[in-house]
Amino acid sequence: MGIRGRIRSMSRDIGALDAERLTERFAPLGLVHLADAPPRTRVTVCGEVERITLKPRAGAPAMEIVIDDGTAEATVIFSGRPAVRGIGHGRCVVVKGVAFEERGRLVFLNPSYTLLPAPGH
């Protein structure tokens, strides 16, 4: 195996370890896994913030975060808000709302949310 193959293999291993870490962290909460979250149904899910972007929607500011719970990812959109206090990379958040599918991704628009304490706090 060449160096590129080894790097790809190592990154897959890191991804699998990260997914396992997230799944174990959120299991005690007993919430719906993102991979099992049905669209157009009110659900409560949680995940770790992987990405944050600012994207205007219909001319208004919108903060988009992508959360990951180890089973899948979901996009959470806070429209009309350029920032949400307390939400940052690596922070864990519980999201409650009705999800829908948009371009093959699970999306929550303006859900209620609760920030989880950082591990060890």
N, C-alpha and C. Protein backbone atom coordinates (compact mmCIF):
# COMPACT_ATOMS: atom_id res chain seq x y z
N MET A 1 0.85 -1.17 0.00
CA MET A 1 0.00 0.00 0.00
C MET A 1 0.89 1.23 0.00
N GLY A 2 0.56 2.20 -0.87
CA GLY A 2 1.32 3.43 -0.94
C GLY A 2 0.97 4.38 0.18
N ILE A 3 1.69 5.49 0.20
CA ILE A 3 1.47 6.48 1.26
C ILE A 3 0.06 7.07 1.20
N ARG A 4 -0.45 7.30 -0.01
CA ARG A 4 -1.82 7.84 -0.12
C ARG A 4 -2.84 6.85 0.43
N GLY A 5 -2.64 5.59 0.15
CA GLY A 5 -3.54 4.56 0.66
C GLY A 5 -3.51 4.49 2.18
N ARG A 6 -2.33 4.62 2.75
CA ARG A 6 -2.21 4.62 4.21
C ARG A 6 -2.88 5.82 4.84
N ILE A 7 -2.70 6.98 4.22
CA ILE A 7 -3.34 8.19 4.74
C ILE A 7 -4.86 8.05 4.68
N ARG A 8 -5.39 7.54 3.55
CA ARG A 8 -6.83 7.33 3.45
C ARG A 8 -7.32 6.34 4.50
N SER A 9 -6.57 5.29 4.70
CA SER A 9 -6.93 4.29 5.69
C SER A 9 -6.94 4.88 7.10
N MET A 10 -5.92 5.67 7.41
CA MET A 10 -5.86 6.30 8.74
C MET A 10 -7.01 7.27 8.93
N SER A 11 -7.36 8.06 7.91
CA SER A 11 -8.45 9.02 8.06
C SER A 11 -9.78 8.31 8.22
N ARG A 12 -9.96 7.15 7.56
CA ARG A 12 -11.18 6.37 7.77
C ARG A 12 -11.23 5.86 9.20
N ASP A 13 -10.10 5.43 9.72
CA ASP A 13 -10.05 4.95 11.10
C ASP A 13 -10.38 6.07 12.08
N ILE A 14 -9.86 7.26 11.85
CA ILE A 14 -10.16 8.40 12.71
C ILE A 14 -11.63 8.75 12.64
N GLY A 15 -12.21 8.71 11.45
CA GLY A 15 -13.65 8.98 11.29
C GLY A 15 -14.49 7.97 12.04
N ALA A 16 -14.11 6.71 11.97
CA ALA A 16 -14.85 5.66 12.68
C ALA A 16 -14.74 5.84 14.20
N LEU A 17 -13.55 6.20 14.67
CA LEU A 17 -13.36 6.44 16.11
C LEU A 17 -14.18 7.64 16.57
N ASP A 18 -14.21 8.68 15.75
CA ASP A 18 -14.97 9.88 16.10
C ASP A 18 -16.47 9.55 16.15
N ALA A 19 -16.96 8.79 15.18
CA ALA A 19 -18.37 8.40 15.17
C ALA A 19 -18.71 7.56 16.40
N GLU A 20 -17.83 6.67 16.77
CA GLU A 20 -18.04 5.84 17.97
C GLU A 20 -18.07 6.70 19.22
N ARG A 21 -17.15 7.68 19.31
CA ARG A 21 -17.09 8.58 20.46
C ARG A 21 -18.40 9.35 20.60
N LEU A 22 -18.90 9.88 19.48
CA LEU A 22 -20.13 10.66 19.52
C LEU A 22 -21.33 9.79 19.88
N THR A 23 -21.40 8.61 19.29
CA THR A 23 -22.51 7.70 19.58
C THR A 23 -22.55 7.34 21.05
N GLU A 24 -21.39 7.04 21.62
CA GLU A 24 -21.32 6.70 23.05
C GLU A 24 -21.68 7.89 23.93
N ARG A 25 -21.26 9.09 23.53
CA ARG A 25 -21.54 10.28 24.34
C ARG A 25 -23.03 10.58 24.41
N PHE A 26 -23.73 10.41 23.30
CA PHE A 26 -25.14 10.79 23.26
C PHE A 26 -26.10 9.66 23.61
N ALA A 27 -25.63 8.42 23.68
CA ALA A 27 -26.50 7.27 23.98
C ALA A 27 -27.27 7.44 25.29
N PRO A 28 -26.65 7.91 26.38
CA PRO A 28 -27.40 8.03 27.64
C PRO A 28 -28.58 9.00 27.58
N LEU A 29 -28.59 9.90 26.60
CA LEU A 29 -29.69 10.86 26.49
C LEU A 29 -30.96 10.21 25.96
N GLY A 30 -30.83 9.08 25.27
CA GLY A 30 -31.99 8.36 24.76
C GLY A 30 -32.77 9.09 23.69
N LEU A 31 -32.11 9.92 22.91
CA LEU A 31 -32.77 10.69 21.86
C LEU A 31 -32.72 9.95 20.53
N VAL A 32 -33.47 10.45 19.57
CA VAL A 32 -33.49 9.87 18.23
C VAL A 32 -32.14 10.13 17.56
N HIS A 33 -31.59 9.09 16.92
CA HIS A 33 -30.36 9.26 16.16
C HIS A 33 -30.67 10.05 14.89
N LEU A 34 -29.74 10.87 14.46
CA LEU A 34 -29.95 11.65 13.24
C LEU A 34 -30.23 10.75 12.04
N ALA A 35 -29.58 9.61 11.98
CA ALA A 35 -29.81 8.68 10.87
C ALA A 35 -31.24 8.14 10.86
N ASP A 36 -31.89 8.14 12.02
CA ASP A 36 -33.26 7.60 12.14
C ASP A 36 -34.31 8.70 12.22
N ALA A 37 -33.93 9.96 12.17
CA ALA A 37 -34.88 11.06 12.33
C ALA A 37 -35.78 11.15 11.10
N PRO A 38 -37.08 10.96 11.28
CA PRO A 38 -37.98 11.03 10.14
C PRO A 38 -38.30 12.48 9.76
N PRO A 39 -38.25 12.81 8.47
CA PRO A 39 -38.63 14.16 8.06
C PRO A 39 -40.11 14.42 8.34
N ARG A 40 -40.44 15.68 8.53
CA ARG A 40 -41.81 16.15 8.72
C ARG A 40 -42.47 15.61 9.98
N THR A 41 -41.63 15.32 10.97
CA THR A 41 -42.11 14.84 12.27
C THR A 41 -41.32 15.56 13.36
N ARG A 42 -42.00 15.97 14.41
CA ARG A 42 -41.30 16.63 15.52
C ARG A 42 -40.42 15.62 16.24
N VAL A 43 -39.13 15.92 16.32
CA VAL A 43 -38.18 15.04 16.98
C VAL A 43 -37.22 15.86 17.84
N THR A 44 -36.57 15.16 18.75
CA THR A 44 -35.51 15.75 19.55
C THR A 44 -34.25 14.95 19.26
N VAL A 45 -33.23 15.66 18.79
CA VAL A 45 -31.96 15.03 18.44
C VAL A 45 -30.83 15.83 19.09
N CYS A 46 -29.64 15.32 19.01
CA CYS A 46 -28.51 16.07 19.50
C CYS A 46 -27.29 15.75 18.66
N GLY A 47 -26.30 16.60 18.75
CA GLY A 47 -25.08 16.37 18.01
C GLY A 47 -24.02 17.39 18.37
N GLU A 48 -22.84 17.13 17.89
CA GLU A 48 -21.71 18.03 18.09
C GLU A 48 -21.59 18.93 16.88
N VAL A 49 -21.34 20.21 17.11
CA VAL A 49 -21.23 21.18 16.02
C VAL A 49 -19.95 20.90 15.24
N GLU A 50 -20.11 20.58 13.96
CA GLU A 50 -18.99 20.27 13.08
C GLU A 50 -18.58 21.48 12.24
N ARG A 51 -19.60 22.20 11.73
CA ARG A 51 -19.33 23.36 10.86
C ARG A 51 -20.31 24.47 11.17
N ILE A 52 -19.84 25.69 10.98
CA ILE A 52 -20.69 26.88 11.13
C ILE A 52 -20.49 27.75 9.91
N THR A 53 -21.58 28.17 9.29
CA THR A 53 -21.49 29.09 8.16
C THR A 53 -22.57 30.15 8.30
N LEU A 54 -22.32 31.28 7.68
CA LEU A 54 -23.30 32.35 7.61
C LEU A 54 -23.76 32.45 6.17
N LYS A 55 -25.05 32.20 5.94
CA LYS A 55 -25.61 32.22 4.59
C LYS A 55 -26.91 32.99 4.61
N PRO A 56 -26.97 34.08 3.87
CA PRO A 56 -28.25 34.79 3.81
C PRO A 56 -29.32 33.92 3.15
N ARG A 57 -30.52 33.97 3.70
CA ARG A 57 -31.67 33.27 3.12
C ARG A 57 -32.77 34.30 2.94
N ALA A 58 -33.22 34.44 1.71
CA ALA A 58 -34.27 35.42 1.37
C ALA A 58 -33.88 36.82 1.83
N GLY A 59 -32.60 37.15 1.72
CA GLY A 59 -32.13 38.48 2.05
C GLY A 59 -31.88 38.74 3.52
N ALA A 60 -32.16 37.77 4.37
CA ALA A 60 -31.95 37.94 5.81
C ALA A 60 -30.74 37.10 6.24
N PRO A 61 -30.02 37.55 7.27
CA PRO A 61 -28.88 36.75 7.72
C PRO A 61 -29.36 35.41 8.28
N ALA A 62 -28.53 34.40 8.15
CA ALA A 62 -28.86 33.08 8.70
C ALA A 62 -27.58 32.38 9.11
N MET A 63 -27.59 31.86 10.31
CA MET A 63 -26.46 31.06 10.79
C MET A 63 -26.83 29.60 10.59
N GLU A 64 -25.96 28.87 9.91
CA GLU A 64 -26.18 27.45 9.69
C GLU A 64 -25.10 26.67 10.43
N ILE A 65 -25.54 25.67 11.16
CA ILE A 65 -24.58 24.78 11.80
C ILE A 65 -24.86 23.36 11.32
N VAL A 66 -23.83 22.57 11.23
CA VAL A 66 -23.97 21.15 10.91
C VAL A 66 -23.61 20.39 12.17
N ILE A 67 -24.55 19.56 12.63
CA ILE A 67 -24.29 18.75 13.82
C ILE A 67 -24.14 17.28 13.40
N ASP A 68 -23.38 16.56 14.19
CA ASP A 68 -23.10 15.15 13.92
C ASP A 68 -23.26 14.39 15.23
N ASP A 69 -24.00 13.27 15.19
CA ASP A 69 -24.16 12.46 16.40
C ASP A 69 -23.48 11.10 16.28
N GLY A 70 -22.67 10.93 15.26
CA GLY A 70 -21.98 9.66 15.05
C GLY A 70 -22.70 8.75 14.08
N THR A 71 -24.00 9.00 13.84
CA THR A 71 -24.76 8.18 12.89
C THR A 71 -25.02 8.92 11.59
N ALA A 72 -25.11 10.25 11.66
CA ALA A 72 -25.39 11.07 10.48
C ALA A 72 -25.18 12.54 10.86
N GLU A 73 -25.38 13.39 9.88
CA GLU A 73 -25.29 14.84 10.10
C GLU A 73 -26.63 15.48 9.79
N ALA A 74 -26.86 16.64 10.39
CA ALA A 74 -28.04 17.45 10.09
C ALA A 74 -27.63 18.91 10.08
N THR A 75 -28.32 19.68 9.27
CA THR A 75 -28.08 21.12 9.21
C THR A 75 -29.16 21.82 10.03
N VAL A 76 -28.73 22.74 10.88
CA VAL A 76 -29.65 23.51 11.72
C VAL A 76 -29.51 24.96 11.30
N ILE A 77 -30.62 25.57 10.89
CA ILE A 77 -30.60 26.95 10.38
C ILE A 77 -31.33 27.86 11.36
N PHE A 78 -30.63 28.90 11.77
CA PHE A 78 -31.22 29.95 12.61
C PHE A 78 -31.37 31.18 11.72
N SER A 79 -32.55 31.33 11.10
CA SER A 79 -32.74 32.43 10.16
C SER A 79 -32.95 33.74 10.92
N GLY A 80 -32.48 34.81 10.30
CA GLY A 80 -32.59 36.14 10.90
C GLY A 80 -31.56 36.39 11.98
N ARG A 81 -30.62 35.48 12.15
CA ARG A 81 -29.60 35.62 13.21
C ARG A 81 -28.21 35.42 12.61
N PRO A 82 -27.36 36.40 12.73
CA PRO A 82 -25.99 36.22 12.24
C PRO A 82 -25.13 35.39 13.19
N ALA A 83 -25.59 35.21 14.42
CA ALA A 83 -24.85 34.41 15.41
C ALA A 83 -25.82 33.95 16.49
N VAL A 84 -25.46 32.84 17.14
CA VAL A 84 -26.23 32.35 18.27
C VAL A 84 -25.24 32.18 19.41
N ARG A 85 -25.46 32.93 20.47
CA ARG A 85 -24.54 32.93 21.60
C ARG A 85 -24.38 31.52 22.20
N GLY A 86 -23.14 31.13 22.42
CA GLY A 86 -22.84 29.85 23.03
C GLY A 86 -22.58 28.72 22.05
N ILE A 87 -23.02 28.88 20.81
CA ILE A 87 -22.81 27.83 19.82
C ILE A 87 -21.47 28.05 19.13
N GLY A 88 -20.62 27.04 19.19
CA GLY A 88 -19.31 27.10 18.56
C GLY A 88 -18.87 25.71 18.14
N HIS A 89 -17.79 25.64 17.41
CA HIS A 89 -17.26 24.35 16.96
C HIS A 89 -16.99 23.44 18.15
N GLY A 90 -17.41 22.19 18.04
CA GLY A 90 -17.17 21.21 19.08
C GLY A 90 -18.18 21.24 20.21
N ARG A 91 -19.05 22.24 20.24
CA ARG A 91 -20.07 22.33 21.29
C ARG A 91 -21.19 21.37 20.97
N CYS A 92 -21.79 20.77 21.97
CA CYS A 92 -22.88 19.83 21.76
C CYS A 92 -24.21 20.52 22.05
N VAL A 93 -25.19 20.22 21.21
CA VAL A 93 -26.47 20.90 21.30
C VAL A 93 -27.60 19.89 21.09
N VAL A 94 -28.67 20.05 21.89
CA VAL A 94 -29.89 19.28 21.71
C VAL A 94 -30.84 20.16 20.90
N VAL A 95 -31.41 19.60 19.85
CA VAL A 95 -32.29 20.34 18.94
C VAL A 95 -33.66 19.68 18.93
N LYS A 96 -34.70 20.51 19.07
CA LYS A 96 -36.07 20.00 19.03
C LYS A 96 -36.84 20.77 17.97
N GLY A 97 -37.38 20.03 17.01
CA GLY A 97 -38.14 20.68 15.95
C GLY A 97 -38.59 19.69 14.90
N VAL A 98 -39.13 20.23 13.83
CA VAL A 98 -39.59 19.42 12.70
C VAL A 98 -38.54 19.54 11.60
N ALA A 99 -38.00 18.41 11.21
CA ALA A 99 -36.97 18.40 10.18
C ALA A 99 -37.61 18.21 8.81
N PHE A 100 -36.89 18.66 7.79
CA PHE A 100 -37.31 18.40 6.41
C PHE A 100 -36.07 18.08 5.60
N GLU A 101 -36.29 17.52 4.42
CA GLU A 101 -35.16 17.20 3.55
C GLU A 101 -35.00 18.30 2.53
N GLU A 102 -33.75 18.72 2.35
CA GLU A 102 -33.42 19.74 1.36
C GLU A 102 -32.13 19.32 0.67
N ARG A 103 -32.23 19.03 -0.59
CA ARG A 103 -31.07 18.60 -1.38
C ARG A 103 -30.34 17.42 -0.74
N GLY A 104 -31.09 16.45 -0.25
CA GLY A 104 -30.51 15.25 0.31
C GLY A 104 -29.96 15.38 1.72
N ARG A 105 -30.24 16.49 2.38
CA ARG A 105 -29.76 16.66 3.75
C ARG A 105 -30.94 16.92 4.68
N LEU A 106 -30.79 16.50 5.93
CA LEU A 106 -31.80 16.72 6.95
C LEU A 106 -31.61 18.12 7.51
N VAL A 107 -32.67 18.92 7.52
CA VAL A 107 -32.57 20.33 7.92
C VAL A 107 -33.61 20.66 8.97
N PHE A 108 -33.17 21.39 10.00
CA PHE A 108 -34.07 21.95 11.01
C PHE A 108 -34.04 23.46 10.83
N LEU A 109 -35.22 24.08 10.72
CA LEU A 109 -35.30 25.52 10.55
C LEU A 109 -35.84 26.15 11.83
N ASN A 110 -35.05 27.01 12.44
CA ASN A 110 -35.40 27.72 13.67
C ASN A 110 -35.96 26.81 14.77
N PRO A 111 -35.21 25.76 15.11
CA PRO A 111 -35.69 24.86 16.17
C PRO A 111 -35.41 25.45 17.55
N SER A 112 -36.02 24.85 18.56
CA SER A 112 -35.59 25.19 19.92
C SER A 112 -34.33 24.37 20.18
N TYR A 113 -33.49 24.86 21.06
CA TYR A 113 -32.21 24.18 21.28
C TYR A 113 -31.78 24.36 22.73
N THR A 114 -30.95 23.42 23.17
CA THR A 114 -30.35 23.47 24.49
C THR A 114 -28.89 23.12 24.34
N LEU A 115 -28.03 23.95 24.89
CA LEU A 115 -26.59 23.67 24.86
C LEU A 115 -26.26 22.68 25.96
N LEU A 116 -25.48 21.67 25.63
CA LEU A 116 -25.03 20.70 26.63
C LEU A 116 -23.72 21.18 27.23
N PRO A 117 -23.49 20.87 28.49
CA PRO A 117 -22.22 21.27 29.10
C PRO A 117 -21.07 20.52 28.43
N ALA A 118 -19.92 21.16 28.41
CA ALA A 118 -18.73 20.52 27.87
C ALA A 118 -18.36 19.34 28.74
N PRO A 119 -17.76 18.29 28.18
CA PRO A 119 -17.36 17.15 29.00
C PRO A 119 -16.47 17.59 30.17
N GLY A 120 -16.74 17.04 31.32
CA GLY A 120 -15.95 17.37 32.50
C GLY A 120 -16.46 18.56 33.27
N HIS A 121 -17.58 19.15 32.84
CA HIS A 121 -18.15 20.31 33.55
C HIS A 121 -19.41 19.94 34.25
